[in-house]
Protein backbone atom coordinates (compact mmCIF):
# COMPACT_ATOMS: atom_id res chain seq x y z
CA UNK A 1 25.57 -26.82 -31.42
CA UNK A 2 22.58 -24.46 -31.02
CA UNK A 3 22.54 -21.85 -28.26
CA UNK A 4 19.36 -23.42 -26.83
CA UNK A 5 20.90 -26.91 -26.70
CA UNK A 6 24.07 -25.54 -25.13
CA UNK A 7 22.00 -23.74 -22.50
CA UNK A 8 20.08 -26.91 -21.69
CA UNK A 9 23.25 -28.93 -21.36
CA UNK A 10 24.75 -26.34 -19.03
CA UNK A 11 21.60 -26.33 -16.94
CA UNK A 12 21.60 -30.14 -16.82
CA UNK A 13 25.21 -30.15 -15.62
CA UNK A 14 24.44 -27.51 -13.00
CA UNK A 15 21.36 -29.42 -11.92
CA UNK A 16 23.33 -32.61 -11.43
CA UNK A 17 25.88 -30.77 -9.31
CA UNK A 18 23.22 -29.05 -7.20
CA UNK A 19 20.74 -31.88 -6.92
CA UNK A 20 18.02 -30.00 -8.76
CA UNK A 21 16.27 -30.29 -12.13
CA UNK A 22 17.04 -28.24 -15.25
CA UNK A 23 13.46 -26.93 -15.22
CA UNK A 24 13.69 -25.64 -11.64
CA UNK A 25 17.08 -24.06 -12.20
CA UNK A 26 15.90 -22.42 -15.41
CA UNK A 27 12.91 -20.96 -13.54
CA UNK A 28 15.07 -19.65 -10.71
CA UNK A 29 17.53 -18.19 -13.20
CA UNK A 30 14.66 -16.44 -14.98
CA UNK A 31 13.46 -14.90 -11.73
CA UNK A 32 16.95 -13.74 -10.85
CA UNK A 33 17.75 -12.15 -14.22
CA UNK A 34 14.42 -11.08 -15.71
CA UNK A 35 15.14 -9.04 -18.80
CA UNK A 36 11.55 -7.87 -19.04
CA UNK A 37 11.56 -6.04 -15.69
CA UNK A 38 9.66 -2.78 -15.95
CA UNK A 39 11.63 0.42 -15.36
CA UNK A 40 9.67 2.76 -13.09
CA UNK A 41 11.11 6.28 -12.55
CA UNK A 42 11.94 7.05 -8.91
CA UNK A 43 9.66 9.45 -7.03
CA UNK A 44 11.21 9.41 -3.57
CA UNK A 45 14.30 11.39 -2.62
CA UNK A 46 17.17 10.67 -0.27
CA UNK A 47 16.42 13.65 1.95
CA UNK A 48 12.61 13.42 2.26
CA UNK A 49 10.35 10.95 4.04
CA UNK A 50 8.35 9.41 1.21
CA UNK A 51 4.97 7.69 1.64
CA UNK A 52 2.93 5.59 -0.74
CA UNK A 53 -0.37 3.75 -0.44
CA UNK A 54 -1.54 1.24 -2.99
CA UNK A 55 -4.44 -1.14 -3.38
CA UNK A 56 -2.88 -4.12 -5.20
CA UNK A 57 -6.09 -5.82 -6.24
CA UNK A 58 -6.55 -9.30 -4.72
CA UNK A 59 -2.76 -9.70 -4.57
CA UNK A 60 -1.79 -13.35 -4.79
CA UNK A 61 -5.38 -14.59 -5.01
CA UNK A 62 -6.09 -17.46 -7.39
CA UNK A 63 -9.85 -16.83 -7.50
CA UNK A 64 -10.15 -13.07 -8.11
CA UNK A 65 -8.18 -10.13 -9.49
CA UNK A 66 -5.40 -10.46 -12.10
CA UNK A 67 -5.12 -14.07 -13.29
CA UNK A 68 -1.36 -14.21 -13.83
CA UNK A 69 -0.11 -14.15 -10.24
CA UNK A 70 3.61 -14.20 -11.12
CA UNK A 71 3.20 -11.29 -13.52
CA UNK A 72 1.23 -9.30 -10.95
CA UNK A 73 3.95 -9.94 -8.39
CA UNK A 74 6.76 -8.87 -10.72
CA UNK A 75 4.89 -5.71 -11.75
CA UNK A 76 4.18 -4.76 -8.13
CA UNK A 77 7.82 -5.43 -7.28
CA UNK A 78 9.02 -3.23 -10.13
CA UNK A 79 6.77 -0.34 -9.09
CA UNK A 80 7.79 -0.45 -5.43
CA UNK A 81 11.46 -0.91 -6.22
CA UNK A 82 11.46 1.77 -8.89
CA UNK A 83 9.41 4.40 -7.06
CA UNK A 84 11.94 4.23 -4.20
CA UNK A 85 9.71 5.36 -1.34
CA UNK A 86 10.42 4.90 2.36
CA UNK A 87 7.06 3.64 3.66
CA UNK A 88 4.23 1.85 1.84
CA UNK A 89 0.72 1.04 3.04
CA UNK A 90 -0.78 -1.81 1.00
CA UNK A 91 -4.35 -3.04 0.67
CA UNK A 92 -6.01 -6.18 -0.72
CA UNK A 93 -3.09 -8.51 -0.07
CA UNK A 94 -4.53 -12.03 0.05
CA UNK A 95 -1.60 -14.44 -0.11
CA UNK A 96 1.02 -14.29 2.62
CA UNK A 97 3.24 -16.47 0.46
CA UNK A 98 3.07 -13.96 -2.40
CA UNK A 99 3.75 -11.11 0.02
CA UNK A 100 6.80 -12.90 1.41
CA UNK A 101 8.00 -13.52 -2.14
CA UNK A 102 7.53 -9.83 -2.90
CA UNK A 103 9.61 -8.85 0.14
CA UNK A 104 12.37 -11.25 -0.83
CA UNK A 105 12.68 -9.42 -4.15
CA UNK A 106 12.84 -5.98 -2.55
CA UNK A 107 16.30 -5.63 -0.97
CA UNK A 108 16.34 -3.09 1.84
CA UNK A 109 12.63 -3.44 2.67
CA UNK A 110 10.88 -5.25 5.50
CA UNK A 111 7.20 -5.47 6.32
CA UNK A 112 4.25 -7.56 7.40
CA UNK A 113 0.52 -8.05 6.96
CA UNK A 114 -2.28 -7.41 9.42
CA UNK A 115 -2.52 -11.09 10.43
CA UNK A 116 1.18 -11.38 11.25
CA UNK A 117 2.03 -12.87 14.63
CA UNK A 118 3.76 -9.61 15.62
CA UNK A 119 0.51 -7.65 15.21
CA UNK A 120 -1.57 -7.48 18.38
CA UNK A 121 -5.08 -8.89 17.66
CA UNK A 122 -4.12 -9.35 14.01
CA UNK A 123 -5.06 -13.00 13.59
CA UNK A 124 -8.35 -12.37 15.37
CA UNK A 125 -9.57 -10.04 12.63
CA UNK A 126 -7.70 -11.16 9.50
CA UNK A 127 -7.61 -14.71 8.17
CA UNK A 128 -5.11 -16.22 5.76
CA UNK A 129 -7.61 -16.30 2.88
CA UNK A 130 -9.08 -12.78 2.99
CA UNK A 131 -7.90 -9.37 1.88
CA UNK A 132 -5.41 -7.86 4.29
CA UNK A 133 -3.73 -4.51 4.78
CA UNK A 134 0.01 -4.40 5.29
CA UNK A 135 3.12 -2.27 5.46
CA UNK A 136 6.53 -2.16 3.78
CA UNK A 137 9.34 0.11 4.96
CA UNK A 138 13.01 0.74 4.30
CA UNK A 139 15.05 -0.71 7.11
CA UNK A 140 17.67 2.01 6.62
CA UNK A 141 15.04 4.61 7.51
CA UNK A 142 12.52 3.03 9.87
CA UNK A 143 12.20 0.37 12.56
CA UNK A 144 9.02 -0.98 14.14
CA UNK A 145 8.22 -0.18 17.75
CA UNK A 146 4.78 -1.83 17.87
CA UNK A 147 1.91 -2.95 15.68
CA UNK A 148 -1.74 -3.61 16.47
CA UNK A 149 -5.25 -3.67 15.04
CA UNK A 150 -7.35 -0.70 16.15
CA UNK A 151 -11.00 0.36 16.14
CA UNK A 152 -12.12 -3.23 16.45
CA UNK A 153 -15.45 -2.13 17.94
CA UNK A 154 -16.18 -0.74 14.48
CA UNK A 155 -15.18 -3.91 12.66
CA UNK A 156 -18.53 -3.97 10.81
CA UNK A 157 -18.20 -0.36 9.71
CA UNK A 158 -14.76 -1.16 8.29
CA UNK A 159 -16.24 -4.13 6.38
CA UNK A 160 -14.35 -6.60 8.56
CA UNK A 161 -11.05 -4.83 7.89
CA UNK A 162 -10.20 -2.75 10.99
CA UNK A 163 -7.09 -0.56 10.51
CA UNK A 164 -3.50 -1.63 11.11
CA UNK A 165 -1.59 0.80 13.33
CA UNK A 166 2.22 0.71 13.31
CA UNK A 167 4.50 2.88 15.43
CA UNK A 168 7.80 3.53 13.67
CA UNK A 169 11.09 5.08 14.71
CA UNK A 170 12.37 7.06 11.74
CA UNK A 171 15.99 8.13 11.31
CA UNK A 172 16.74 10.38 8.36
CA UNK A 173 19.09 13.32 7.76
CA UNK A 174 20.68 12.66 11.16
CA UNK A 175 17.35 13.15 12.98
CA UNK A 176 15.41 10.42 14.81
CA UNK A 177 11.74 10.71 15.72
CA UNK A 178 8.75 8.43 16.23
CA UNK A 179 5.70 8.50 13.97
CA UNK A 180 2.46 6.57 13.70
CA UNK A 181 1.18 5.11 10.45
CA UNK A 182 -2.32 3.66 10.09
CA UNK A 183 -3.25 1.59 7.05
CA UNK A 184 -6.96 1.29 6.30
CA UNK A 185 -9.26 -0.20 3.70
CA UNK A 186 -12.74 1.27 4.05
CA UNK A 187 -16.10 -0.20 3.07
CA UNK A 188 -16.71 -0.18 -0.69
CA UNK A 189 -19.77 0.49 -2.92
CA UNK A 190 -22.12 3.39 -3.61
CA UNK A 191 -25.26 2.29 -1.79
CA UNK A 192 -26.45 4.37 1.16
CA UNK A 193 -25.81 1.60 3.69
CA UNK A 194 -22.16 1.41 2.61
CA UNK A 195 -21.93 5.21 2.77
CA UNK A 196 -23.28 5.14 6.34
CA UNK A 197 -20.75 2.51 7.35
CA UNK A 198 -17.94 4.68 5.97
CA UNK A 199 -19.34 7.68 7.85
CA UNK A 200 -19.49 5.65 11.06
CA UNK A 201 -15.91 4.48 10.54
CA UNK A 202 -14.78 8.07 9.93
CA UNK A 203 -16.42 9.25 13.14
CA UNK A 204 -14.72 6.46 15.08
CA UNK A 205 -11.35 7.21 13.46
CA UNK A 206 -11.52 10.91 14.29
CA UNK A 207 -12.53 10.26 17.88
CA UNK A 208 -9.62 7.82 18.21
CA UNK A 209 -7.08 10.22 16.73
CA UNK A 210 -8.39 13.15 18.79
CA UNK A 211 -8.02 11.28 22.06
CA UNK A 212 -5.00 9.05 21.39
CA UNK A 213 -2.66 11.22 19.32
CA UNK A 214 -3.43 14.90 19.95
CA UNK A 215 0.23 15.93 19.45
CA UNK A 216 1.74 13.08 17.42
CA UNK A 217 2.89 12.87 13.82
CA UNK A 218 0.36 10.51 12.27
CA UNK A 219 -0.21 9.32 8.70
CA UNK A 220 -3.47 7.50 7.87
CA UNK A 221 -3.37 6.13 4.35
CA UNK A 222 -5.02 3.54 2.20
CA UNK A 223 -8.13 2.86 0.17
CA UNK A 224 -10.85 5.05 1.65
CA UNK A 225 -13.36 3.99 -1.04
CA UNK A 226 -14.87 7.46 -1.28
CA UNK A 227 -13.99 10.98 -2.33
CA UNK A 228 -13.38 14.07 -0.23
CA UNK A 229 -15.21 16.84 -2.11
CA UNK A 230 -18.47 14.92 -2.40
CA UNK A 231 -19.36 11.28 -1.97
CA UNK A 232 -19.49 8.66 -4.71
CA UNK A 233 -22.96 7.99 -3.24
CA UNK A 234 -25.39 10.20 -5.10
CA UNK A 235 -26.72 13.14 -3.10
CA UNK A 236 -24.41 12.54 -0.14
CA UNK A 237 -21.60 14.64 1.29
CA UNK A 238 -18.24 12.98 1.73
CA UNK A 239 -18.37 10.54 4.66
CA UNK A 240 -15.01 12.07 5.64
CA UNK A 241 -16.31 15.62 5.87
CA UNK A 242 -15.79 15.53 9.64
CA UNK A 243 -12.04 15.19 9.07
CA UNK A 244 -11.92 17.58 6.11
CA UNK A 245 -13.65 20.28 8.17
CA UNK A 246 -11.22 20.03 11.10
CA UNK A 247 -8.41 21.79 9.22
CA UNK A 248 -6.78 22.91 12.46
CA UNK A 249 -5.93 19.33 13.39
CA UNK A 250 -5.99 17.33 10.15
CA UNK A 251 -5.17 17.69 6.48
CA UNK A 252 -5.71 15.46 3.49
CA UNK A 253 -2.84 16.11 1.06
CA UNK A 254 -4.94 14.10 -1.39
CA UNK A 255 -7.72 16.71 -1.27
CA UNK A 256 -5.74 18.31 -4.10
CA UNK A 257 -6.48 15.22 -6.21
CA UNK A 258 -10.19 15.46 -5.41
CA UNK A 259 -10.31 19.17 -6.23
CA UNK A 260 -8.55 18.58 -9.54
CA UNK A 261 -10.79 15.58 -10.35
CA UNK A 262 -7.80 13.26 -10.63
CA UNK A 263 -8.76 9.60 -10.49
CA UNK A 264 -6.90 7.09 -8.31
CA UNK A 265 -8.42 4.05 -10.04
CA UNK A 266 -8.42 2.83 -13.62
CA UNK A 267 -12.19 2.66 -13.99
CA UNK A 268 -13.79 5.61 -12.19
CA UNK A 269 -13.19 9.39 -12.23
CA UNK A 270 -12.99 9.84 -8.46
CA UNK A 271 -10.10 10.03 -6.01
CA UNK A 272 -10.85 7.32 -3.47
CA UNK A 273 -7.31 6.48 -2.24
CA UNK A 274 -6.21 9.06 0.28
CA UNK A 275 -3.68 10.21 2.84
CA UNK A 276 -4.67 11.99 6.06
CA UNK A 277 -2.07 13.61 8.31
CA UNK A 278 -2.20 15.33 11.66
CA UNK A 279 -1.19 18.98 11.75
CA UNK A 280 2.13 17.98 13.37
CA UNK A 281 3.09 16.04 10.23
CA UNK A 282 1.35 18.38 7.79
CA UNK A 283 3.83 21.11 8.72
CA UNK A 284 6.51 19.07 6.94
CA UNK A 285 4.52 18.27 3.80
CA UNK A 286 6.32 19.10 0.57
CA UNK A 287 3.76 21.27 -1.19
CA UNK A 288 2.53 19.82 -4.46
CA UNK A 289 4.23 16.45 -3.97
CA UNK A 290 1.05 14.36 -3.75
CA UNK A 291 0.19 12.43 -6.87
CA UNK A 292 -1.69 9.49 -8.27
CA UNK A 293 1.33 7.84 -9.88
CA UNK A 294 0.30 6.76 -13.39
CA UNK A 295 2.43 3.68 -13.63
CA UNK A 296 0.08 2.41 -16.32
CA UNK A 297 2.30 4.48 -18.62
CA UNK A 298 5.06 1.93 -18.03
CA UNK A 299 3.17 -1.35 -17.54
CA UNK A 300 1.28 -2.92 -20.43
CA UNK A 301 -2.36 -3.82 -19.75
CA UNK A 302 -1.93 -2.44 -16.25
CA UNK A 303 -5.54 -2.76 -15.10
CA UNK A 304 -5.73 -6.48 -15.98
CA UNK A 305 -2.19 -7.55 -15.11
CA UNK A 306 -1.48 -5.53 -11.97
CA UNK A 307 -4.35 -3.74 -10.19
CA UNK A 308 -7.25 -1.37 -10.72
CA UNK A 309 -5.76 1.33 -8.44
CA UNK A 310 -2.85 3.71 -8.91
CA UNK A 311 -0.27 4.24 -6.17
CA UNK A 312 -0.76 7.50 -4.27
CA UNK A 313 2.49 9.17 -3.21
CA UNK A 314 3.66 12.14 -1.12
CA UNK A 315 6.85 13.54 0.38
CA UNK A 316 7.67 15.22 3.69
CA UNK A 317 10.74 17.05 4.86
CA UNK A 318 12.56 15.50 7.80
């Protein structure tokens, strides 16, 4: 008897016992024991607080982005699982179902999207069919204290995607402390109107941080859709120059990527995915740890199967 026929008979017997079909059981078995899972080298460490932000292009969408949704999901899962970071900020998540499936395949992680019922004002600004920001975190390291949508008065400037703010209680190395993480996805495109909207959003963000968290440990990360040394808009300074210039209060670890002309996308030479930290958190930054993680070295046809952005990672002592 051939191995294939034997496998089908075994599946048929199992299906009869479980009330399912051989096809469904074969599919579930494939998901549970995928031999083609991509091995991604770990970048986080057990003793540091590790952050990552990643635009996962139209994740779960059936009308835009990568066309093989199951392959995109498995590649994203393999990157997050392999990189082994503590906290992720995600952008361009469309399907809540796909996000829930992703979480179910990431043991030890929890998370939610901006339109989740636990997010104050979330459903008012994010619908089920549009791009959403979200968060994933290791439950052994962090727990959620609160979550809300902020800067809603500048909804237009943020292209209808106002930031998601999550307060977390972090316990690591025997030390417990609260931090604030803000996930954003800024207005895209090079035209001057889009640049002005990013500049307006940056001014609103700085004013908010100045007044709300003058002494807190805050991480703002995501797809900022512009660079920090000079703008992607010809002849314009970075729309985030107001934050870059206030070095006493804020630091972009990702400024090192801009200065070195390291791209964070697959198609353009600029660094447009960034991390901003308050000086209280910057004091713990592990020098040189920021990187645009080139997982395209491990995933075939990365830009068409997974996303057009690279994950941006950093580490902090705790």
